[in-house]
């Protein structure tokens, strides 16, 4: 295929070629630019036929032999297209084949295509690019499977797991992902079996998984096959299961597969969902379909962010995100002014942002065990707030405005770095004759407050 026949018509329409610049010098970030991302989101990307000569040229460069055409004369957009059709060993070899190819290898376009092949959900709310997300995900899968291997006495399945982990190809990665999700689906089904509809014998358990646990399977394919049949069974009986399932508590600090399958979105009558200490680090966007959810408890996981879809839960009044890895207030929260209780205790949050005023219906706010240093004046706007927990932080001063909050009943400031207190606090101290003294309970134990401040 002559290079002269490769023109702009071979490039998808959302990629614009700058005729005044050498296309070879365009960076990977330019190929993943905002304009490309916007246009890509509007239309599904069409399949692109890769001429074998192009693919052979890349592989020839990897092998350091002369290819069938001058590869260096091709624009970056064409090469990126070719890279997206290579397998993982070939892509790994490219890292040392050429500086230019190594740069293009980081292009999100390449790894977006690969993510589709392995059925990996790319997240746009992370700072990491797609390659980094995929690498992190593979590490987590291997950790989960390694633990599963240790507690499973089936020799065959142990050997199968070792084999697919050692073969670093798209096909083996896809199988790892499929097995991982299948195990999670089966784990999820064990919780579904606890719903009242089964105890009332309104529906019978499927024979395929009636008495089984993950440790009774003999092979990977058996797990995948059973999970597939279980999904089909769930879809067939969801009309009976969903209305009768209003609460689901998944508490398992030793949970093998920290993944909540998309099947949970079918249980739209759920009002209470508890996923405590399950090692989760992400939530499926399907969570946004649980339109009846009133309480969502995600305490004790590994979240660094939450999906934007959570803001679709307009019935949600209680959100618990304590003991996670959050260093800021998750942005989707600002789109949820209907929240009444928000718990973010034991994270790494350092600041209460001004956007806090958007949570106008909030009655309870738990920010204890963080690294907060100041209480912003905007907090006075929370006119419905009854309890504010800021104990075990690094707060040094109490803003006088906080005593003007009309509904506040409890202010917990234990174990901070407060050395002085405003005069407004005296009417709330124990022994005060002020008639308003019962309106607010202030907890200050464990602060280095100087006793001289109490002298009149």
Protein backbone atom coordinates (compact mmCIF):
# COMPACT_ATOMS: atom_id res chain seq x y z
CA UNK A 1 0.00 0.00 0.00
CA UNK A 2 1.79 3.17 -1.14
CA UNK A 3 2.04 5.94 1.39
CA UNK A 4 0.61 8.38 -1.14
CA UNK A 5 -2.74 6.58 -0.90
CA UNK A 6 -3.02 7.34 2.82
CA UNK A 7 -4.80 10.67 3.05
CA UNK A 8 -7.05 12.54 5.43
CA UNK A 9 -9.99 10.43 4.32
CA UNK A 10 -8.42 7.52 6.22
CA UNK A 11 -8.67 9.46 9.46
CA UNK A 12 -11.92 9.64 11.50
CA UNK A 13 -13.64 13.00 11.14
CA UNK A 14 -13.13 14.04 14.76
CA UNK A 15 -9.35 14.16 14.22
CA UNK A 16 -8.31 17.43 12.60
CA UNK A 17 -4.97 17.55 10.81
CA UNK A 18 -3.05 20.80 11.03
CA UNK A 19 -1.65 21.27 7.52
CA UNK A 20 0.70 24.02 8.67
CA UNK A 21 2.45 21.76 11.18
CA UNK A 22 4.25 18.49 10.90
CA UNK A 23 1.68 15.92 12.08
CA UNK A 24 4.50 13.70 13.27
CA UNK A 25 5.33 16.18 16.02
CA UNK A 26 1.86 16.25 17.53
CA UNK A 27 1.89 14.94 21.07
CA UNK A 28 -0.28 12.13 22.41
CA UNK A 29 -2.13 14.66 24.54
CA UNK A 30 -3.02 16.64 21.40
CA UNK A 31 -4.58 13.53 19.89
CA UNK A 32 -6.61 13.13 23.07
CA UNK A 33 -7.65 16.81 23.11
CA UNK A 34 -10.89 18.26 24.35
CA UNK A 35 -12.34 18.73 20.88
CA UNK A 36 -11.71 15.10 20.02
CA UNK A 37 -13.25 13.97 23.31
CA UNK A 38 -16.39 16.05 22.77
CA UNK A 39 -16.95 14.82 19.25
CA UNK A 40 -16.21 11.25 20.29
CA UNK A 41 -18.88 11.38 22.97
CA UNK A 42 -21.52 12.56 20.48
CA UNK A 43 -21.11 9.78 17.94
CA UNK A 44 -20.14 6.16 18.30
CA UNK A 45 -16.78 5.64 16.74
CA UNK A 46 -16.98 3.56 13.53
CA UNK A 47 -14.78 0.51 13.06
CA UNK A 48 -11.67 1.25 11.05
CA UNK A 49 -10.11 -1.28 8.73
CA UNK A 50 -6.36 -1.68 9.28
CA UNK A 51 -4.40 -2.56 6.12
CA UNK A 52 -2.12 -5.48 6.94
CA UNK A 53 0.83 -3.58 5.46
CA UNK A 54 0.49 -0.91 8.15
CA UNK A 55 0.40 -3.48 10.91
CA UNK A 56 3.36 -5.32 9.39
CA UNK A 57 5.29 -2.06 9.29
CA UNK A 58 4.85 -1.50 13.03
CA UNK A 59 5.81 -5.08 13.81
CA UNK A 60 8.82 -4.79 11.50
CA UNK A 61 9.99 -1.74 13.43
CA UNK A 62 9.65 -3.66 16.67
CA UNK A 63 11.80 -6.48 15.24
CA UNK A 64 14.27 -3.89 13.93
CA UNK A 65 14.01 -5.04 10.34
CA UNK A 66 13.08 -3.12 7.23
CA UNK A 67 9.33 -2.86 6.74
CA UNK A 68 7.36 -2.88 3.47
CA UNK A 69 7.01 0.93 3.44
CA UNK A 70 8.61 4.02 5.06
CA UNK A 71 6.79 4.03 8.40
CA UNK A 72 8.24 7.36 9.54
CA UNK A 73 6.40 9.21 6.76
CA UNK A 74 2.98 8.30 8.22
CA UNK A 75 1.08 10.82 10.35
CA UNK A 76 0.59 10.14 14.04
CA UNK A 77 -3.15 9.63 13.64
CA UNK A 78 -2.61 6.63 11.36
CA UNK A 79 0.00 5.04 13.60
CA UNK A 80 -2.20 5.47 16.67
CA UNK A 81 -4.93 3.63 14.79
CA UNK A 82 -2.57 0.76 14.10
CA UNK A 83 -1.34 0.64 17.71
CA UNK A 84 -4.93 0.23 18.91
CA UNK A 85 -5.12 -3.06 16.98
CA UNK A 86 -1.96 -4.61 18.42
CA UNK A 87 -1.81 -7.05 21.32
CA UNK A 88 -0.26 -6.31 24.72
CA UNK A 89 3.12 -8.05 24.12
CA UNK A 90 3.58 -6.07 20.90
CA UNK A 91 2.66 -2.81 22.62
CA UNK A 92 5.06 -3.59 25.44
CA UNK A 93 7.87 -4.15 22.91
CA UNK A 94 7.17 -0.75 21.30
CA UNK A 95 8.35 1.05 24.46
CA UNK A 96 11.97 0.55 23.39
CA UNK A 97 11.48 0.47 19.60
CA UNK A 98 11.10 4.19 18.96
CA UNK A 99 10.81 7.36 21.00
CA UNK A 100 7.99 8.55 18.79
CA UNK A 101 6.05 5.29 19.12
CA UNK A 102 6.63 5.25 22.85
CA UNK A 103 5.05 8.70 23.07
CA UNK A 104 2.08 7.67 20.95
CA UNK A 105 1.68 4.57 23.06
CA UNK A 106 0.35 6.73 25.90
CA UNK A 107 -2.46 8.08 23.74
CA UNK A 108 -5.87 7.42 25.30
CA UNK A 109 -7.26 6.47 21.89
CA UNK A 110 -5.11 3.31 21.86
CA UNK A 111 -6.14 2.16 25.30
CA UNK A 112 -9.78 3.11 24.92
CA UNK A 113 -10.03 0.53 22.14
CA UNK A 114 -8.25 -2.06 24.27
CA UNK A 115 -10.49 -1.25 27.25
CA UNK A 116 -13.50 -2.13 25.09
CA UNK A 117 -11.96 -5.47 24.13
CA UNK A 118 -11.43 -6.47 27.75
CA UNK A 119 -14.75 -4.95 28.87
CA UNK A 120 -13.07 -2.48 31.21
CA UNK A 121 -15.18 0.56 32.22
CA UNK A 122 -13.09 3.69 31.68
CA UNK A 123 -13.69 6.39 34.27
CA UNK A 124 -13.54 10.05 33.25
CA UNK A 125 -13.57 11.35 36.81
CA UNK A 126 -10.02 10.17 37.54
CA UNK A 127 -6.78 12.05 36.97
CA UNK A 128 -5.16 8.86 35.69
CA UNK A 129 -5.17 8.13 31.97
CA UNK A 130 -6.75 4.96 30.58
CA UNK A 131 -3.48 3.00 30.50
CA UNK A 132 -2.87 3.73 34.19
CA UNK A 133 -6.46 2.78 35.04
CA UNK A 134 -6.08 -0.55 33.21
CA UNK A 135 -2.75 -1.27 34.90
CA UNK A 136 -4.19 -0.55 38.35
CA UNK A 137 -7.21 -2.70 37.59
CA UNK A 138 -5.08 -5.67 36.53
CA UNK A 139 -3.06 -5.41 39.75
CA UNK A 140 -6.25 -5.45 41.83
CA UNK A 141 -7.58 -8.48 39.94
CA UNK A 142 -4.35 -10.39 40.53
CA UNK A 143 -4.43 -9.58 44.27
CA UNK A 144 -8.05 -10.79 44.49
CA UNK A 145 -7.34 -13.96 42.55
CA UNK A 146 -4.22 -14.70 44.57
CA UNK A 147 -6.30 -14.62 47.76
CA UNK A 148 -9.01 -16.73 46.11
CA UNK A 149 -6.35 -19.24 45.09
CA UNK A 150 -5.05 -19.56 48.65
CA UNK A 151 -8.47 -20.36 50.13
CA UNK A 152 -9.55 -22.67 47.30
CA UNK A 153 -8.28 -26.25 47.50
CA UNK A 154 -9.20 -27.08 43.88
CA UNK A 155 -5.86 -27.73 42.16
CA UNK A 156 -7.22 -27.35 38.63
CA UNK A 157 -8.64 -23.88 39.18
CA UNK A 158 -5.40 -22.80 40.92
CA UNK A 159 -3.38 -23.84 37.87
CA UNK A 160 -5.81 -22.13 35.48
CA UNK A 161 -5.52 -18.85 37.40
CA UNK A 162 -1.71 -19.02 37.35
CA UNK A 163 -1.72 -19.72 33.61
CA UNK A 164 -3.96 -16.84 32.55
CA UNK A 165 -2.08 -14.41 34.80
CA UNK A 166 1.24 -15.42 33.24
CA UNK A 167 -0.03 -14.95 29.65
CA UNK A 168 -0.14 -11.16 29.29
CA UNK A 169 -2.38 -10.79 26.24
CA UNK A 170 -5.68 -9.05 25.59
CA UNK A 171 -7.38 -12.44 25.38
CA UNK A 172 -6.05 -13.58 28.77
CA UNK A 173 -6.83 -10.17 30.33
CA UNK A 174 -10.37 -10.43 29.00
CA UNK A 175 -10.70 -13.89 30.55
CA UNK A 176 -9.34 -12.60 33.87
CA UNK A 177 -11.87 -9.79 33.80
CA UNK A 178 -14.71 -12.13 32.88
CA UNK A 179 -13.80 -14.57 35.65
CA UNK A 180 -13.48 -11.74 38.17
CA UNK A 181 -16.90 -10.32 37.27
CA UNK A 182 -18.46 -13.79 37.26
CA UNK A 183 -17.24 -14.44 40.81
CA UNK A 184 -18.64 -11.07 41.88
CA UNK A 185 -21.99 -11.86 40.28
CA UNK A 186 -22.12 -15.12 42.20
CA UNK A 187 -21.15 -13.32 45.43
CA UNK A 188 -23.94 -10.81 44.78
CA UNK A 189 -26.43 -13.62 44.20
CA UNK A 190 -25.66 -15.03 47.66
CA UNK A 191 -27.00 -11.74 49.08
CA UNK A 192 -30.06 -11.86 46.84
CA UNK A 193 -30.86 -15.29 48.29
CA UNK A 194 -31.30 -13.66 51.71
CA UNK A 195 -34.27 -11.56 50.56
CA UNK A 196 -37.76 -12.33 51.99
CA UNK A 197 -39.12 -13.56 48.67
CA UNK A 198 -37.23 -16.84 49.10
CA UNK A 199 -38.18 -17.45 52.73
CA UNK A 200 -41.81 -16.89 51.77
CA UNK A 201 -41.37 -19.48 49.00
CA UNK A 202 -42.84 -17.19 46.37
CA UNK A 203 -39.94 -18.11 44.14
CA UNK A 204 -37.58 -21.07 43.97
CA UNK A 205 -33.83 -20.88 43.80
CA UNK A 206 -32.26 -21.94 40.51
CA UNK A 207 -30.81 -25.44 40.59
CA UNK A 208 -27.57 -24.18 39.02
CA UNK A 209 -26.57 -22.29 42.17
CA UNK A 210 -28.87 -23.55 44.89
CA UNK A 211 -26.30 -25.05 47.25
CA UNK A 212 -23.10 -23.74 45.72
CA UNK A 213 -20.40 -21.41 46.93
CA UNK A 214 -17.40 -20.07 45.05
CA UNK A 215 -15.16 -22.66 46.68
CA UNK A 216 -17.12 -25.58 45.20
CA UNK A 217 -16.28 -24.80 41.57
CA UNK A 218 -13.64 -26.90 39.80
CA UNK A 219 -12.70 -24.62 36.90
CA UNK A 220 -12.77 -21.06 35.68
CA UNK A 221 -15.15 -21.93 32.86
CA UNK A 222 -17.56 -23.49 35.33
CA UNK A 223 -17.68 -20.25 37.33
CA UNK A 224 -18.22 -18.16 34.20
CA UNK A 225 -20.92 -20.50 32.87
CA UNK A 226 -22.80 -20.57 36.19
CA UNK A 227 -22.60 -16.81 36.57
CA UNK A 228 -24.03 -16.38 33.07
CA UNK A 229 -26.98 -18.65 33.90
CA UNK A 230 -27.43 -16.83 37.20
CA UNK A 231 -27.65 -13.47 35.38
CA UNK A 232 -30.26 -14.91 33.03
CA UNK A 233 -32.23 -16.20 36.01
CA UNK A 234 -32.07 -12.80 37.73
CA UNK A 235 -33.34 -11.05 34.59
CA UNK A 236 -36.17 -13.57 34.24
CA UNK A 237 -37.35 -13.15 37.85
CA UNK A 238 -36.57 -9.47 38.43
CA UNK A 239 -40.29 -8.58 38.30
CA UNK A 240 -40.79 -10.63 41.46
CA UNK A 241 -37.44 -9.96 43.12
CA UNK A 242 -37.24 -6.19 42.75
CA UNK A 243 -40.49 -5.10 44.49
CA UNK A 244 -39.80 -7.37 47.48
CA UNK A 245 -36.17 -6.35 47.92
CA UNK A 246 -36.04 -3.04 49.78
CA UNK A 247 -32.92 -3.62 51.87
CA UNK A 248 -29.56 -5.18 51.07
CA UNK A 249 -26.66 -5.37 53.52
CA UNK A 250 -23.35 -6.59 52.13
CA UNK A 251 -20.91 -6.60 55.01
CA UNK A 252 -17.83 -8.74 54.47
CA UNK A 253 -14.37 -7.52 55.51
CA UNK A 254 -12.89 -10.60 53.79
CA UNK A 255 -14.86 -10.24 50.60
CA UNK A 256 -12.85 -11.87 47.81
CA UNK A 257 -14.12 -9.91 44.84
CA UNK A 258 -14.74 -6.21 45.60
CA UNK A 259 -17.04 -5.48 42.71
CA UNK A 260 -20.77 -4.79 42.62
CA UNK A 261 -22.17 -6.12 39.33
CA UNK A 262 -24.51 -4.02 37.17
CA UNK A 263 -27.33 -6.47 37.95
CA UNK A 264 -27.95 -4.46 41.11
CA UNK A 265 -29.56 -1.75 38.95
CA UNK A 266 -32.55 -4.03 38.44
CA UNK A 267 -33.48 -3.76 42.12
CA UNK A 268 -35.13 -0.37 41.80
CA UNK A 269 -37.21 -0.82 44.98
CA UNK A 270 -34.10 -0.75 47.19
CA UNK A 271 -34.37 1.91 49.86
CA UNK A 272 -31.39 0.79 51.97
CA UNK A 273 -28.07 -0.37 50.52
CA UNK A 274 -25.18 -1.13 52.84
CA UNK A 275 -21.76 -1.96 51.32
CA UNK A 276 -19.58 -1.81 54.42
CA UNK A 277 -15.95 -3.00 54.50
CA UNK A 278 -16.12 -4.69 51.10
CA UNK A 279 -12.82 -3.27 49.74
CA UNK A 280 -14.66 -1.41 46.97
CA UNK A 281 -12.72 1.33 45.20
CA UNK A 282 -15.33 2.25 42.61
CA UNK A 283 -19.06 2.12 41.99
CA UNK A 284 -20.72 1.22 38.74
CA UNK A 285 -22.64 4.11 37.12
CA UNK A 286 -25.62 1.72 37.34
CA UNK A 287 -25.96 2.88 40.95
CA UNK A 288 -27.80 5.91 39.56
CA UNK A 289 -30.76 3.70 38.60
CA UNK A 290 -31.68 2.92 42.23
CA UNK A 291 -34.25 5.70 42.25
CA UNK A 292 -35.90 4.65 45.54
CA UNK A 293 -32.70 4.59 47.59
CA UNK A 294 -32.98 6.51 50.87
CA UNK A 295 -29.81 5.28 52.61
CA UNK A 296 -26.45 4.44 51.02
CA UNK A 297 -23.73 3.26 53.39
CA UNK A 298 -20.26 2.95 51.81
CA UNK A 299 -18.24 3.00 55.02
CA UNK A 300 -14.88 1.24 55.16
CA UNK A 301 -13.91 0.97 51.50
CA UNK A 302 -11.18 2.38 49.25
CA UNK A 303 -13.01 5.15 47.41
CA UNK A 304 -11.05 8.14 46.15
CA UNK A 305 -14.08 9.47 44.26
CA UNK A 306 -17.69 8.56 43.54
CA UNK A 307 -19.45 8.49 40.15
CA UNK A 308 -21.43 11.48 38.96
CA UNK A 309 -24.46 9.18 38.53
CA UNK A 310 -24.90 9.11 42.29
CA UNK A 311 -26.38 12.60 42.01
CA UNK A 312 -29.37 11.02 40.23
CA UNK A 313 -30.49 9.48 43.53
CA UNK A 314 -33.06 12.15 44.32
CA UNK A 315 -34.64 10.08 47.12
CA UNK A 316 -31.34 9.69 48.97
CA UNK A 317 -31.29 11.36 52.37
CA UNK A 318 -28.42 9.54 54.14
CA UNK A 319 -24.97 9.09 52.55
CA UNK A 320 -22.13 7.49 54.53
CA UNK A 321 -18.60 7.63 53.11
CA UNK A 322 -16.56 7.24 56.28
CA UNK A 323 -13.22 5.36 56.38
CA UNK A 324 -12.30 5.80 52.72
CA UNK A 325 -9.48 7.55 50.85
CA UNK A 326 -11.18 10.83 49.97
CA UNK A 327 -9.05 13.99 50.16
CA UNK A 328 -11.82 16.36 49.03
CA UNK A 329 -15.58 16.49 49.16
CA UNK A 330 -16.68 14.34 46.19
CA UNK A 331 -17.98 16.83 43.55
CA UNK A 332 -21.23 14.90 42.84
CA UNK A 333 -22.34 15.76 46.37
CA UNK A 334 -22.82 19.42 45.38
CA UNK A 335 -25.57 18.28 43.01
CA UNK A 336 -27.51 16.70 45.90
CA UNK A 337 -29.08 19.55 47.92
CA UNK A 338 -31.71 17.13 49.24
CA UNK A 339 -29.23 15.24 51.47
CA UNK A 340 -30.08 15.31 55.17
CA UNK A 341 -27.16 13.35 56.57
CA UNK A 342 -23.61 13.25 55.22
CA UNK A 343 -20.80 11.30 56.88
CA UNK A 344 -17.20 11.72 55.68
CA UNK A 345 -15.38 10.76 58.85
CA UNK A 346 -11.90 9.22 58.78
CA UNK A 347 -10.76 10.38 55.35
CA UNK A 348 -7.97 12.79 54.36
CA UNK A 349 -10.09 15.90 53.84
CA UNK A 350 -8.30 19.15 54.65
CA UNK A 351 -10.85 21.80 53.68
CA UNK A 352 -14.57 22.46 53.92
CA UNK A 353 -15.22 24.29 50.62
CA UNK A 354 -17.63 27.22 50.17
CA UNK A 355 -19.88 24.94 48.11
CA UNK A 356 -21.07 23.48 51.41
CA UNK A 357 -23.89 26.03 51.31
CA UNK A 358 -25.46 24.03 48.47
CA UNK A 359 -26.44 21.31 50.95
CA UNK A 360 -29.28 23.45 52.26
CA UNK A 361 -31.32 20.56 53.71
CA UNK A 362 -28.44 19.01 55.67
CA UNK A 363 -29.28 18.14 59.29
CA UNK A 364 -26.20 16.11 60.20
CA UNK A 365 -22.59 16.51 59.01
CA UNK A 366 -19.81 14.20 60.19
CA UNK A 367 -16.25 15.30 59.38
CA UNK A 368 -14.45 13.89 62.42
CA UNK A 369 -11.04 12.23 62.04
CA UNK A 370 -9.85 14.31 59.07
CA UNK A 371 -7.20 17.01 58.63
CA UNK A 372 -9.44 20.08 58.60
CA UNK A 373 -7.84 23.28 59.94
CA UNK A 374 -10.59 25.90 59.65
CA UNK A 375 -14.37 26.18 59.83
CA UNK A 376 -15.55 28.35 56.92
CA UNK A 377 -18.05 31.16 57.62
CA UNK A 378 -20.29 29.75 54.84
CA UNK A 379 -21.31 26.96 57.18
CA UNK A 380 -23.71 29.35 58.93
CA UNK A 381 -25.90 29.12 55.82
CA UNK A 382 -26.83 25.55 56.74
CA UNK A 383 -29.96 26.62 58.56
CA UNK A 384 -31.27 23.06 59.04
CA UNK A 385 -28.04 21.63 60.51
CA UNK A 386 -28.57 20.07 63.95
CA UNK A 387 -25.33 18.17 64.52
CA UNK A 388 -21.81 19.07 63.40
CA UNK A 389 -19.01 16.62 64.21
CA UNK A 390 -15.51 18.08 63.76
CA UNK A 391 -13.70 16.22 66.54
CA UNK A 392 -10.20 14.88 65.88
CA UNK A 393 -9.11 17.48 63.33
CA UNK A 394 -6.58 20.34 63.40
CA UNK A 395 -8.94 23.27 63.91
CA UNK A 396 -7.38 26.21 65.77
CA UNK A 397 -10.24 28.72 66.08
CA UNK A 398 -14.02 28.76 66.40
CA UNK A 399 -15.75 31.34 64.17
CA UNK A 400 -18.32 33.36 66.19
CA UNK A 401 -20.80 32.98 63.33
CA UNK A 402 -21.29 29.33 64.19
CA UNK A 403 -23.32 30.28 67.28
CA UNK A 404 -25.89 31.96 65.06
CA UNK A 405 -26.95 28.71 63.41
CA UNK A 406 -30.65 28.45 64.32
CA UNK A 407 -31.04 24.65 64.36
CA UNK A 408 -27.64 23.53 65.70
CA UNK A 409 -27.96 21.30 68.79
CA UNK A 410 -24.55 19.60 68.99
CA UNK A 411 -21.13 20.99 68.11
CA UNK A 412 -18.36 18.43 68.67
CA UNK A 413 -14.87 19.97 68.60
CA UNK A 414 -13.03 17.48 70.81
CA UNK A 415 -9.35 16.79 70.19
CA UNK A 416 -8.47 19.76 67.99
CA UNK A 417 -5.85 22.53 68.36
CA UNK A 418 -8.14 25.24 69.73
CA UNK A 419 -6.36 27.61 72.14
CA UNK A 420 -8.87 30.46 72.43
CA UNK A 421 -12.63 30.62 72.31
CA UNK A 422 -14.95 33.48 71.35
CA UNK A 423 -16.97 35.28 74.09
CA UNK A 424 -20.22 34.08 72.48
CA UNK A 425 -19.50 30.60 73.81
CA UNK A 426 -19.91 31.50 77.49
CA UNK A 427 -23.68 31.42 77.49
CA UNK A 428 -23.56 27.80 76.37
CA UNK A 429 -21.04 26.62 78.98
CA UNK A 430 -22.19 24.37 81.81
CA UNK A 431 -23.40 26.43 84.77
CA UNK A 432 -24.42 29.43 82.70
CA UNK A 433 -27.60 31.21 83.82
CA UNK A 434 -28.43 32.20 80.26
CA UNK A 435 -31.84 30.90 79.19
CA UNK A 436 -30.37 29.90 75.80
CA UNK A 437 -27.79 27.57 77.39
CA UNK A 438 -29.77 24.42 76.60
CA UNK A 439 -29.99 25.16 72.91
CA UNK A 440 -26.48 24.02 72.00
CA UNK A 441 -24.18 21.32 73.38
CA UNK A 442 -20.51 22.19 72.81
CA UNK A 443 -17.86 19.50 73.26
CA UNK A 444 -14.31 20.88 73.67
CA UNK A 445 -12.47 18.22 75.65
CA UNK A 446 -8.89 17.55 74.52
CA UNK A 447 -8.09 21.04 73.21
CA UNK A 448 -5.13 23.15 74.48
CA UNK A 449 -7.43 25.96 75.64
CA UNK A 450 -5.76 28.50 77.97
CA UNK A 451 -7.67 28.77 81.21
CA UNK A 452 -7.04 32.53 81.36
CA UNK A 453 -9.77 33.03 78.80
CA UNK A 454 -12.35 32.24 81.43
CA UNK A 455 -11.38 35.17 83.68
CA UNK A 456 -13.85 38.02 83.71
